[in-house]
């Protein structure tokens, strides 16, 4: 388990499923201790409704998430070199992050995480696939950064499916 970085950027293909889940959980667990954002190689989709639903089950709010790409980040003034750690959740985002940071002294990690978007045909099958992805990301965060402070909120203390229907606390600046 490594120390908690001062800033983390999670990235995936569309910034609609995996990276918003990771951003939301990381903010819920460590939001007051680390600056956390997410981006995608592209941003042509809004946050996925199944991602919102499965994160809500553990008290993580994603409804207000707005997808953005690496290009939009730079247009809006976010400099990738300002992040201490970039976590790529897809091969395409890993390639782009490495390309964009090749002249920066910046750590880029690749966490292979299941893309649930094409799995299942029925709602319950789709939700199970998204829960599996959520739980993979949660486990990677907790393994990499350690357990959150118990004051961090309900998601830090709850088991992945222990609180169906629970809502996250509204925090300023998130």
N, C-alpha and C. Protein backbone atom coordinates (compact mmCIF):
# COMPACT_ATOMS: atom_id res chain seq x y z
N UNK A 1 0.85 -1.18 0.00
CA UNK A 1 0.00 0.00 0.00
C UNK A 1 0.90 1.24 0.00
N UNK A 2 0.65 2.12 -0.95
CA UNK A 2 1.43 3.34 -1.10
C UNK A 2 0.74 4.51 -0.40
N UNK A 3 1.50 5.57 -0.21
CA UNK A 3 0.91 6.77 0.39
C UNK A 3 -0.11 7.36 -0.56
N UNK A 4 -1.00 8.14 -0.02
CA UNK A 4 -2.05 8.77 -0.81
C UNK A 4 -1.46 9.95 -1.59
N UNK A 5 -1.60 9.94 -2.93
CA UNK A 5 -1.09 11.07 -3.71
C UNK A 5 -1.92 12.32 -3.47
N UNK A 6 -1.33 13.47 -3.72
CA UNK A 6 -2.05 14.73 -3.52
C UNK A 6 -3.11 14.95 -4.59
N UNK A 7 -2.93 14.33 -5.78
CA UNK A 7 -3.90 14.47 -6.85
C UNK A 7 -3.88 13.23 -7.74
N UNK A 8 -5.08 12.82 -8.15
CA UNK A 8 -5.23 11.61 -8.98
C UNK A 8 -6.19 11.91 -10.12
N UNK A 9 -5.83 11.45 -11.31
CA UNK A 9 -6.71 11.50 -12.47
C UNK A 9 -7.00 10.08 -12.91
N UNK A 10 -8.27 9.70 -12.94
CA UNK A 10 -8.68 8.40 -13.46
C UNK A 10 -9.13 8.62 -14.90
N UNK A 11 -8.79 7.68 -15.78
CA UNK A 11 -9.20 7.83 -17.17
C UNK A 11 -9.61 6.50 -17.78
N UNK A 12 -10.52 6.59 -18.75
CA UNK A 12 -10.98 5.42 -19.50
C UNK A 12 -11.35 5.90 -20.90
N UNK A 13 -12.14 5.14 -21.62
CA UNK A 13 -12.42 5.47 -23.02
C UNK A 13 -13.36 6.66 -23.18
N UNK A 14 -14.52 6.66 -22.50
CA UNK A 14 -15.54 7.69 -22.71
C UNK A 14 -15.80 8.58 -21.49
N UNK A 15 -15.21 8.29 -20.36
CA UNK A 15 -15.49 9.00 -19.11
C UNK A 15 -16.99 8.94 -18.80
N UNK A 16 -17.55 7.73 -19.01
CA UNK A 16 -18.99 7.55 -18.78
C UNK A 16 -19.29 6.36 -17.86
N UNK A 17 -18.34 5.44 -17.66
CA UNK A 17 -18.60 4.25 -16.85
C UNK A 17 -17.52 4.07 -15.79
N UNK A 18 -16.34 3.59 -16.18
CA UNK A 18 -15.29 3.21 -15.23
C UNK A 18 -14.65 4.39 -14.52
N UNK A 19 -14.19 5.39 -15.27
CA UNK A 19 -13.50 6.50 -14.60
C UNK A 19 -14.42 7.34 -13.72
N UNK A 20 -15.70 7.57 -14.08
CA UNK A 20 -16.56 8.26 -13.11
C UNK A 20 -16.79 7.44 -11.83
N UNK A 21 -16.90 6.11 -11.98
CA UNK A 21 -17.02 5.26 -10.79
C UNK A 21 -15.80 5.44 -9.90
N UNK A 22 -14.62 5.37 -10.51
CA UNK A 22 -13.38 5.51 -9.74
C UNK A 22 -13.27 6.89 -9.10
N UNK A 23 -13.59 7.93 -9.87
CA UNK A 23 -13.56 9.29 -9.32
C UNK A 23 -14.52 9.42 -8.14
N UNK A 24 -15.74 8.94 -8.33
CA UNK A 24 -16.73 9.04 -7.25
C UNK A 24 -16.33 8.31 -5.98
N UNK A 25 -15.83 7.08 -6.14
CA UNK A 25 -15.41 6.33 -4.95
C UNK A 25 -14.19 6.97 -4.30
N UNK A 26 -13.23 7.40 -5.09
CA UNK A 26 -12.03 8.02 -4.54
C UNK A 26 -12.39 9.29 -3.79
N UNK A 27 -13.29 10.09 -4.34
CA UNK A 27 -13.73 11.31 -3.64
C UNK A 27 -14.47 10.95 -2.35
N UNK A 28 -15.29 9.93 -2.40
CA UNK A 28 -16.02 9.53 -1.19
C UNK A 28 -15.05 9.03 -0.12
N UNK A 29 -14.05 8.26 -0.53
CA UNK A 29 -13.09 7.69 0.43
C UNK A 29 -12.06 8.71 0.90
N UNK A 30 -11.49 9.50 -0.03
CA UNK A 30 -10.33 10.34 0.27
C UNK A 30 -10.46 11.77 -0.23
N UNK A 31 -11.67 12.21 -0.55
CA UNK A 31 -11.88 13.49 -1.22
C UNK A 31 -11.32 14.70 -0.54
N UNK A 32 -11.24 14.70 0.75
CA UNK A 32 -10.71 15.86 1.46
C UNK A 32 -9.19 15.81 1.57
N UNK A 33 -8.61 14.65 1.24
CA UNK A 33 -7.16 14.48 1.35
C UNK A 33 -6.45 14.50 0.01
N UNK A 34 -7.17 14.31 -1.07
CA UNK A 34 -6.57 14.22 -2.39
C UNK A 34 -7.51 14.85 -3.43
N UNK A 35 -6.95 15.62 -4.36
CA UNK A 35 -7.72 16.20 -5.45
C UNK A 35 -7.93 15.09 -6.49
N UNK A 36 -9.18 14.86 -6.89
CA UNK A 36 -9.51 13.74 -7.77
C UNK A 36 -10.37 14.22 -8.93
N UNK A 37 -10.00 13.80 -10.15
CA UNK A 37 -10.77 14.10 -11.35
C UNK A 37 -10.77 12.87 -12.25
N UNK A 38 -11.56 12.92 -13.32
CA UNK A 38 -11.54 11.85 -14.30
C UNK A 38 -11.71 12.44 -15.69
N UNK A 39 -11.28 11.65 -16.69
CA UNK A 39 -11.38 12.08 -18.08
C UNK A 39 -11.42 10.84 -18.96
N UNK A 40 -11.77 11.07 -20.22
CA UNK A 40 -11.81 9.98 -21.18
C UNK A 40 -11.03 10.32 -22.43
N UNK A 41 -10.71 9.30 -23.20
CA UNK A 41 -10.10 9.54 -24.50
C UNK A 41 -11.07 10.36 -25.34
N UNK A 42 -12.36 10.07 -25.21
CA UNK A 42 -13.44 10.80 -25.86
C UNK A 42 -14.45 11.19 -24.78
N UNK A 43 -15.38 12.06 -25.11
CA UNK A 43 -16.43 12.41 -24.14
C UNK A 43 -17.76 12.60 -24.86
N UNK A 44 -18.09 11.64 -25.70
CA UNK A 44 -19.30 11.76 -26.50
C UNK A 44 -20.54 11.20 -25.81
N UNK A 45 -20.39 10.69 -24.59
CA UNK A 45 -21.51 10.09 -23.87
C UNK A 45 -21.65 10.75 -22.50
N UNK A 46 -22.84 10.73 -21.97
CA UNK A 46 -23.06 11.16 -20.59
C UNK A 46 -22.77 9.99 -19.66
N UNK A 47 -22.72 10.26 -18.38
CA UNK A 47 -22.48 9.19 -17.42
C UNK A 47 -23.56 8.12 -17.58
N UNK A 48 -23.16 6.87 -17.55
CA UNK A 48 -24.04 5.73 -17.78
C UNK A 48 -24.98 5.53 -16.59
N UNK A 49 -26.26 5.32 -16.87
CA UNK A 49 -27.26 5.14 -15.82
C UNK A 49 -27.03 3.94 -14.94
N UNK A 50 -26.47 2.86 -15.49
CA UNK A 50 -26.16 1.69 -14.67
C UNK A 50 -25.02 2.01 -13.71
N UNK A 51 -24.06 2.82 -14.14
CA UNK A 51 -22.97 3.24 -13.24
C UNK A 51 -23.53 4.05 -12.09
N UNK A 52 -24.43 4.96 -12.41
CA UNK A 52 -25.08 5.78 -11.38
C UNK A 52 -25.79 4.88 -10.38
N UNK A 53 -26.55 3.91 -10.88
CA UNK A 53 -27.34 3.03 -10.01
C UNK A 53 -26.47 2.19 -9.07
N UNK A 54 -25.42 1.56 -9.60
CA UNK A 54 -24.62 0.68 -8.74
C UNK A 54 -23.75 1.47 -7.77
N UNK A 55 -23.37 2.67 -8.13
CA UNK A 55 -22.61 3.49 -7.18
C UNK A 55 -23.52 4.05 -6.09
N UNK A 56 -24.76 4.35 -6.45
CA UNK A 56 -25.73 4.81 -5.45
C UNK A 56 -25.91 3.76 -4.36
N UNK A 57 -25.82 2.47 -4.73
CA UNK A 57 -25.98 1.37 -3.76
C UNK A 57 -24.96 1.44 -2.64
N UNK A 58 -23.79 2.01 -2.88
CA UNK A 58 -22.76 2.10 -1.85
C UNK A 58 -22.58 3.54 -1.35
N UNK A 59 -23.54 4.39 -1.68
CA UNK A 59 -23.50 5.76 -1.16
C UNK A 59 -22.61 6.71 -1.93
N UNK A 60 -22.32 6.41 -3.19
CA UNK A 60 -21.49 7.27 -4.03
C UNK A 60 -22.38 7.90 -5.10
N UNK A 61 -22.38 9.23 -5.15
CA UNK A 61 -23.25 9.99 -6.05
C UNK A 61 -22.52 10.28 -7.35
N UNK A 62 -23.14 9.91 -8.48
CA UNK A 62 -22.57 10.20 -9.80
C UNK A 62 -23.50 11.04 -10.68
N UNK A 63 -24.69 11.33 -10.20
CA UNK A 63 -25.69 12.01 -11.04
C UNK A 63 -25.19 13.32 -11.64
N UNK A 64 -24.36 14.04 -10.92
CA UNK A 64 -23.91 15.35 -11.39
C UNK A 64 -22.63 15.29 -12.23
N UNK A 65 -22.12 14.10 -12.44
CA UNK A 65 -20.88 13.96 -13.22
C UNK A 65 -21.10 14.40 -14.66
N UNK A 66 -20.17 15.16 -15.19
CA UNK A 66 -20.20 15.57 -16.58
C UNK A 66 -18.96 15.00 -17.27
N UNK A 67 -19.18 14.22 -18.31
CA UNK A 67 -18.07 13.60 -19.03
C UNK A 67 -17.19 14.66 -19.68
N UNK A 68 -15.90 14.38 -19.70
CA UNK A 68 -14.96 15.27 -20.38
C UNK A 68 -13.79 14.45 -20.90
N UNK A 69 -13.19 14.96 -21.96
CA UNK A 69 -12.07 14.28 -22.58
C UNK A 69 -10.76 14.92 -22.13
N UNK A 70 -9.65 14.28 -22.46
CA UNK A 70 -8.34 14.88 -22.19
C UNK A 70 -8.22 16.24 -22.88
N UNK A 71 -8.71 16.31 -24.13
CA UNK A 71 -8.65 17.58 -24.87
C UNK A 71 -9.44 18.67 -24.16
N UNK A 72 -10.65 18.34 -23.68
CA UNK A 72 -11.46 19.32 -22.96
C UNK A 72 -10.78 19.74 -21.67
N UNK A 73 -10.13 18.82 -20.99
CA UNK A 73 -9.40 19.18 -19.77
C UNK A 73 -8.37 20.27 -20.08
N UNK A 74 -7.61 20.06 -21.13
CA UNK A 74 -6.58 21.03 -21.49
C UNK A 74 -7.19 22.36 -21.93
N UNK A 75 -8.30 22.30 -22.68
CA UNK A 75 -8.98 23.53 -23.09
C UNK A 75 -9.49 24.32 -21.89
N UNK A 76 -9.90 23.61 -20.83
CA UNK A 76 -10.44 24.25 -19.64
C UNK A 76 -9.36 24.61 -18.63
N UNK A 77 -8.10 24.38 -18.99
CA UNK A 77 -7.00 24.83 -18.14
C UNK A 77 -6.44 23.80 -17.18
N UNK A 78 -6.90 22.56 -17.24
CA UNK A 78 -6.32 21.52 -16.39
C UNK A 78 -5.10 20.95 -17.08
N UNK A 79 -3.98 21.04 -16.43
CA UNK A 79 -2.72 20.55 -16.97
C UNK A 79 -2.44 19.17 -16.39
N UNK A 80 -2.25 18.19 -17.26
CA UNK A 80 -1.99 16.83 -16.79
C UNK A 80 -0.76 16.75 -15.89
N UNK A 81 0.21 17.60 -16.14
CA UNK A 81 1.42 17.56 -15.32
C UNK A 81 1.15 17.98 -13.88
N UNK A 82 -0.01 18.55 -13.63
CA UNK A 82 -0.38 18.94 -12.27
C UNK A 82 -0.87 17.77 -11.42
N UNK A 83 -1.11 16.62 -12.04
CA UNK A 83 -1.54 15.44 -11.29
C UNK A 83 -0.32 14.64 -10.86
N UNK A 84 -0.36 14.15 -9.66
CA UNK A 84 0.72 13.32 -9.16
C UNK A 84 0.63 11.89 -9.72
N UNK A 85 -0.60 11.43 -9.95
CA UNK A 85 -0.81 10.07 -10.43
C UNK A 85 -1.95 10.06 -11.44
N UNK A 86 -1.75 9.34 -12.54
CA UNK A 86 -2.82 9.07 -13.50
C UNK A 86 -3.06 7.57 -13.49
N UNK A 87 -4.32 7.18 -13.30
CA UNK A 87 -4.69 5.77 -13.31
C UNK A 87 -5.54 5.52 -14.54
N UNK A 88 -5.00 4.73 -15.47
CA UNK A 88 -5.71 4.38 -16.70
C UNK A 88 -6.48 3.08 -16.47
N UNK A 89 -7.75 3.09 -16.84
CA UNK A 89 -8.62 1.94 -16.63
C UNK A 89 -8.93 1.20 -17.93
N UNK A 90 -8.33 1.64 -19.02
CA UNK A 90 -8.51 0.99 -20.32
C UNK A 90 -7.20 1.11 -21.10
N UNK A 91 -6.96 0.19 -22.03
CA UNK A 91 -5.72 0.28 -22.82
C UNK A 91 -5.61 1.57 -23.63
N UNK A 92 -6.72 2.03 -24.21
CA UNK A 92 -6.68 3.26 -25.01
C UNK A 92 -6.33 4.47 -24.15
N UNK A 93 -6.87 4.53 -22.94
CA UNK A 93 -6.57 5.67 -22.07
C UNK A 93 -5.13 5.59 -21.55
N UNK A 94 -4.63 4.38 -21.35
CA UNK A 94 -3.24 4.24 -20.93
C UNK A 94 -2.30 4.76 -22.02
N UNK A 95 -2.56 4.37 -23.27
CA UNK A 95 -1.72 4.84 -24.38
C UNK A 95 -1.74 6.36 -24.48
N UNK A 96 -2.93 6.96 -24.39
CA UNK A 96 -3.03 8.41 -24.50
C UNK A 96 -2.36 9.11 -23.32
N UNK A 97 -2.56 8.59 -22.12
CA UNK A 97 -1.93 9.20 -20.94
C UNK A 97 -0.41 9.15 -21.05
N UNK A 98 0.13 8.02 -21.49
CA UNK A 98 1.59 7.91 -21.65
C UNK A 98 2.09 8.86 -22.73
N UNK A 99 1.34 8.97 -23.82
CA UNK A 99 1.71 9.87 -24.90
C UNK A 99 1.71 11.33 -24.43
N UNK A 100 0.67 11.71 -23.71
CA UNK A 100 0.52 13.11 -23.29
C UNK A 100 1.46 13.50 -22.16
N UNK A 101 2.00 12.53 -21.45
CA UNK A 101 2.86 12.83 -20.30
C UNK A 101 4.30 12.40 -20.52
N UNK A 102 4.67 12.12 -21.75
CA UNK A 102 6.02 11.58 -21.99
C UNK A 102 7.13 12.56 -21.61
N UNK A 103 6.84 13.85 -21.53
CA UNK A 103 7.86 14.83 -21.13
C UNK A 103 7.68 15.30 -19.69
N UNK A 104 6.77 14.67 -18.97
CA UNK A 104 6.53 15.03 -17.57
C UNK A 104 7.05 13.91 -16.68
N UNK A 105 7.51 14.26 -15.52
CA UNK A 105 7.87 13.25 -14.54
C UNK A 105 6.60 12.96 -13.75
N UNK A 106 5.85 11.97 -14.23
CA UNK A 106 4.51 11.71 -13.72
C UNK A 106 4.26 10.22 -13.75
N UNK A 107 3.66 9.70 -12.71
CA UNK A 107 3.37 8.27 -12.63
C UNK A 107 2.05 7.96 -13.33
N UNK A 108 2.08 6.99 -14.26
CA UNK A 108 0.88 6.49 -14.92
C UNK A 108 0.78 5.01 -14.60
N UNK A 109 -0.33 4.62 -13.99
CA UNK A 109 -0.57 3.21 -13.67
C UNK A 109 -1.70 2.70 -14.54
N UNK A 110 -1.62 1.43 -14.90
CA UNK A 110 -2.70 0.79 -15.65
C UNK A 110 -3.37 -0.24 -14.76
N UNK A 111 -4.67 -0.07 -14.55
CA UNK A 111 -5.48 -1.04 -13.81
C UNK A 111 -6.46 -1.66 -14.81
N UNK A 112 -6.21 -2.89 -15.25
CA UNK A 112 -7.17 -3.51 -16.18
C UNK A 112 -8.49 -3.79 -15.46
N UNK A 113 -9.52 -3.10 -15.88
CA UNK A 113 -10.84 -3.21 -15.24
C UNK A 113 -11.87 -3.57 -16.32
N UNK A 114 -12.73 -4.49 -15.98
CA UNK A 114 -13.79 -4.95 -16.87
C UNK A 114 -14.64 -3.80 -17.40
N UNK A 115 -14.87 -3.77 -18.71
CA UNK A 115 -15.82 -2.83 -19.31
C UNK A 115 -17.17 -3.54 -19.37
N UNK A 116 -18.14 -3.13 -18.54
CA UNK A 116 -19.40 -3.87 -18.46
C UNK A 116 -20.43 -3.51 -19.52
N UNK A 117 -20.14 -2.55 -20.38
CA UNK A 117 -21.18 -1.99 -21.25
C UNK A 117 -21.81 -2.99 -22.21
N UNK A 118 -21.10 -3.99 -22.65
CA UNK A 118 -21.67 -4.94 -23.60
C UNK A 118 -22.13 -6.24 -22.97
N UNK A 119 -22.13 -6.32 -21.66
CA UNK A 119 -22.45 -7.57 -20.97
C UNK A 119 -23.92 -7.61 -20.53
N UNK A 120 -24.51 -8.77 -20.64
CA UNK A 120 -25.88 -8.98 -20.18
C UNK A 120 -26.90 -8.45 -21.17
N UNK A 121 -28.07 -9.09 -21.13
CA UNK A 121 -29.18 -8.64 -21.98
C UNK A 121 -30.34 -8.14 -21.14
N UNK A 122 -30.52 -8.71 -19.96
CA UNK A 122 -31.59 -8.27 -19.06
C UNK A 122 -31.02 -7.27 -18.06
N UNK A 123 -31.90 -6.45 -17.50
CA UNK A 123 -31.48 -5.42 -16.53
C UNK A 123 -30.68 -6.00 -15.37
N UNK A 124 -31.15 -7.12 -14.79
CA UNK A 124 -30.44 -7.69 -13.65
C UNK A 124 -29.05 -8.19 -14.04
N UNK A 125 -28.90 -8.71 -15.26
CA UNK A 125 -27.59 -9.16 -15.73
C UNK A 125 -26.66 -7.96 -15.94
N UNK A 126 -27.19 -6.89 -16.49
CA UNK A 126 -26.39 -5.69 -16.68
C UNK A 126 -25.95 -5.10 -15.34
N UNK A 127 -26.88 -5.02 -14.40
CA UNK A 127 -26.53 -4.50 -13.07
C UNK A 127 -25.45 -5.35 -12.41
N UNK A 128 -25.54 -6.67 -12.55
CA UNK A 128 -24.51 -7.55 -11.99
C UNK A 128 -23.14 -7.27 -12.61
N UNK A 129 -23.09 -7.04 -13.92
CA UNK A 129 -21.83 -6.74 -14.60
C UNK A 129 -21.26 -5.41 -14.10
N UNK A 130 -22.12 -4.41 -13.96
CA UNK A 130 -21.67 -3.10 -13.48
C UNK A 130 -21.22 -3.18 -12.02
N UNK A 131 -21.89 -4.00 -11.22
CA UNK A 131 -21.46 -4.19 -9.83
C UNK A 131 -20.07 -4.83 -9.78
N UNK A 132 -19.84 -5.79 -10.67
CA UNK A 132 -18.54 -6.43 -10.72
C UNK A 132 -17.45 -5.40 -11.05
N UNK A 133 -17.71 -4.54 -12.00
CA UNK A 133 -16.76 -3.48 -12.34
C UNK A 133 -16.55 -2.53 -11.16
N UNK A 134 -17.65 -2.11 -10.55
CA UNK A 134 -17.57 -1.22 -9.39
C UNK A 134 -16.72 -1.85 -8.29
N UNK A 135 -16.97 -3.13 -8.02
CA UNK A 135 -16.25 -3.81 -6.95
C UNK A 135 -14.77 -4.00 -7.29
N UNK A 136 -14.47 -4.23 -8.58
CA UNK A 136 -13.07 -4.32 -9.01
C UNK A 136 -12.35 -3.01 -8.75
N UNK A 137 -12.99 -1.91 -9.13
CA UNK A 137 -12.38 -0.59 -8.93
C UNK A 137 -12.23 -0.30 -7.44
N UNK A 138 -13.26 -0.58 -6.67
CA UNK A 138 -13.20 -0.34 -5.22
C UNK A 138 -12.05 -1.11 -4.59
N UNK A 139 -11.90 -2.37 -4.97
CA UNK A 139 -10.83 -3.20 -4.43
C UNK A 139 -9.46 -2.66 -4.82
N UNK A 140 -9.32 -2.21 -6.07
CA UNK A 140 -8.04 -1.65 -6.50
C UNK A 140 -7.71 -0.38 -5.72
N UNK A 141 -8.71 0.48 -5.51
CA UNK A 141 -8.48 1.71 -4.75
C UNK A 141 -8.05 1.38 -3.32
N UNK A 142 -8.76 0.48 -2.68
CA UNK A 142 -8.44 0.14 -1.29
C UNK A 142 -7.10 -0.58 -1.16
N UNK A 143 -6.76 -1.41 -2.14
CA UNK A 143 -5.46 -2.09 -2.13
C UNK A 143 -4.33 -1.09 -2.34
N UNK A 144 -4.53 -0.16 -3.26
CA UNK A 144 -3.48 0.79 -3.61
C UNK A 144 -3.30 1.88 -2.56
N UNK A 145 -4.41 2.37 -2.00
CA UNK A 145 -4.33 3.54 -1.10
C UNK A 145 -4.66 3.23 0.35
N UNK A 146 -5.12 2.01 0.65
CA UNK A 146 -5.46 1.65 2.01
C UNK A 146 -6.88 2.01 2.35
N UNK A 147 -7.32 1.58 3.51
CA UNK A 147 -8.71 1.88 3.90
C UNK A 147 -8.87 3.37 4.18
N UNK A 148 -10.04 3.89 3.82
CA UNK A 148 -10.28 5.32 4.09
C UNK A 148 -10.48 5.55 5.58
N UNK A 149 -10.27 6.79 5.96
CA UNK A 149 -10.56 7.21 7.32
C UNK A 149 -12.04 6.99 7.57
N UNK A 150 -12.42 6.48 8.68
CA UNK A 150 -13.83 6.20 8.98
C UNK A 150 -14.69 7.46 8.92
N UNK A 151 -14.08 8.62 9.04
CA UNK A 151 -14.84 9.87 8.93
C UNK A 151 -15.11 10.24 7.48
N UNK A 152 -14.57 9.45 6.54
CA UNK A 152 -14.69 9.79 5.12
C UNK A 152 -16.10 9.63 4.59
N UNK A 153 -16.95 8.87 5.25
CA UNK A 153 -18.32 8.73 4.77
C UNK A 153 -18.76 7.29 4.71
N UNK A 154 -20.02 7.08 4.37
CA UNK A 154 -20.60 5.76 4.41
C UNK A 154 -19.98 4.78 3.42
N UNK A 155 -19.53 5.23 2.27
CA UNK A 155 -18.97 4.29 1.29
C UNK A 155 -17.68 3.69 1.79
N UNK A 156 -16.93 4.43 2.61
CA UNK A 156 -15.69 3.92 3.14
C UNK A 156 -15.90 2.80 4.13
N UNK A 157 -17.05 2.79 4.78
CA UNK A 157 -17.31 1.79 5.80
C UNK A 157 -18.23 0.68 5.34
N UNK A 158 -18.96 0.89 4.25
CA UNK A 158 -19.96 -0.08 3.82
C UNK A 158 -19.38 -1.14 2.91
N UNK A 159 -19.94 -2.32 2.94
CA UNK A 159 -19.62 -3.36 1.97
C UNK A 159 -20.27 -2.95 0.65
N UNK A 160 -19.77 -3.43 -0.49
CA UNK A 160 -20.26 -2.97 -1.78
C UNK A 160 -21.76 -2.99 -1.97
N UNK A 161 -22.47 -3.99 -1.51
CA UNK A 161 -23.91 -4.05 -1.73
C UNK A 161 -24.71 -3.96 -0.43
N UNK A 162 -24.08 -3.46 0.62
CA UNK A 162 -24.70 -3.46 1.94
C UNK A 162 -25.76 -2.39 2.11
N UNK A 163 -25.77 -1.36 1.28
CA UNK A 163 -26.69 -0.25 1.50
C UNK A 163 -27.49 0.07 0.25
N UNK A 164 -28.30 -0.85 -0.26
CA UNK A 164 -29.07 -0.54 -1.47
C UNK A 164 -29.94 0.68 -1.29
N UNK A 165 -29.90 1.54 -2.30
CA UNK A 165 -30.75 2.72 -2.29
C UNK A 165 -30.25 3.88 -1.46
N UNK A 166 -29.10 3.73 -0.78
CA UNK A 166 -28.60 4.82 0.04
C UNK A 166 -28.04 5.91 -0.84
N UNK A 167 -28.18 7.15 -0.45
CA UNK A 167 -27.65 8.27 -1.21
C UNK A 167 -26.39 8.81 -0.57
N UNK A 168 -25.50 9.39 -1.36
CA UNK A 168 -24.28 9.96 -0.84
C UNK A 168 -24.56 11.31 -0.20
N UNK A 169 -23.73 11.68 0.74
CA UNK A 169 -23.84 13.01 1.32
C UNK A 169 -23.38 14.03 0.29
N UNK A 170 -24.05 15.16 0.25
CA UNK A 170 -23.68 16.20 -0.69
C UNK A 170 -22.53 16.99 -0.10
N UNK A 171 -21.41 17.00 -0.80
CA UNK A 171 -20.24 17.73 -0.32
C UNK A 171 -19.96 18.89 -1.23
N UNK A 172 -19.58 20.03 -0.66
CA UNK A 172 -19.25 21.17 -1.50
C UNK A 172 -18.05 20.87 -2.37
N UNK A 173 -18.04 21.42 -3.57
CA UNK A 173 -16.89 21.29 -4.44
C UNK A 173 -16.79 19.99 -5.19
N UNK A 174 -17.84 19.17 -5.14
CA UNK A 174 -17.77 17.89 -5.85
C UNK A 174 -18.84 17.78 -6.87
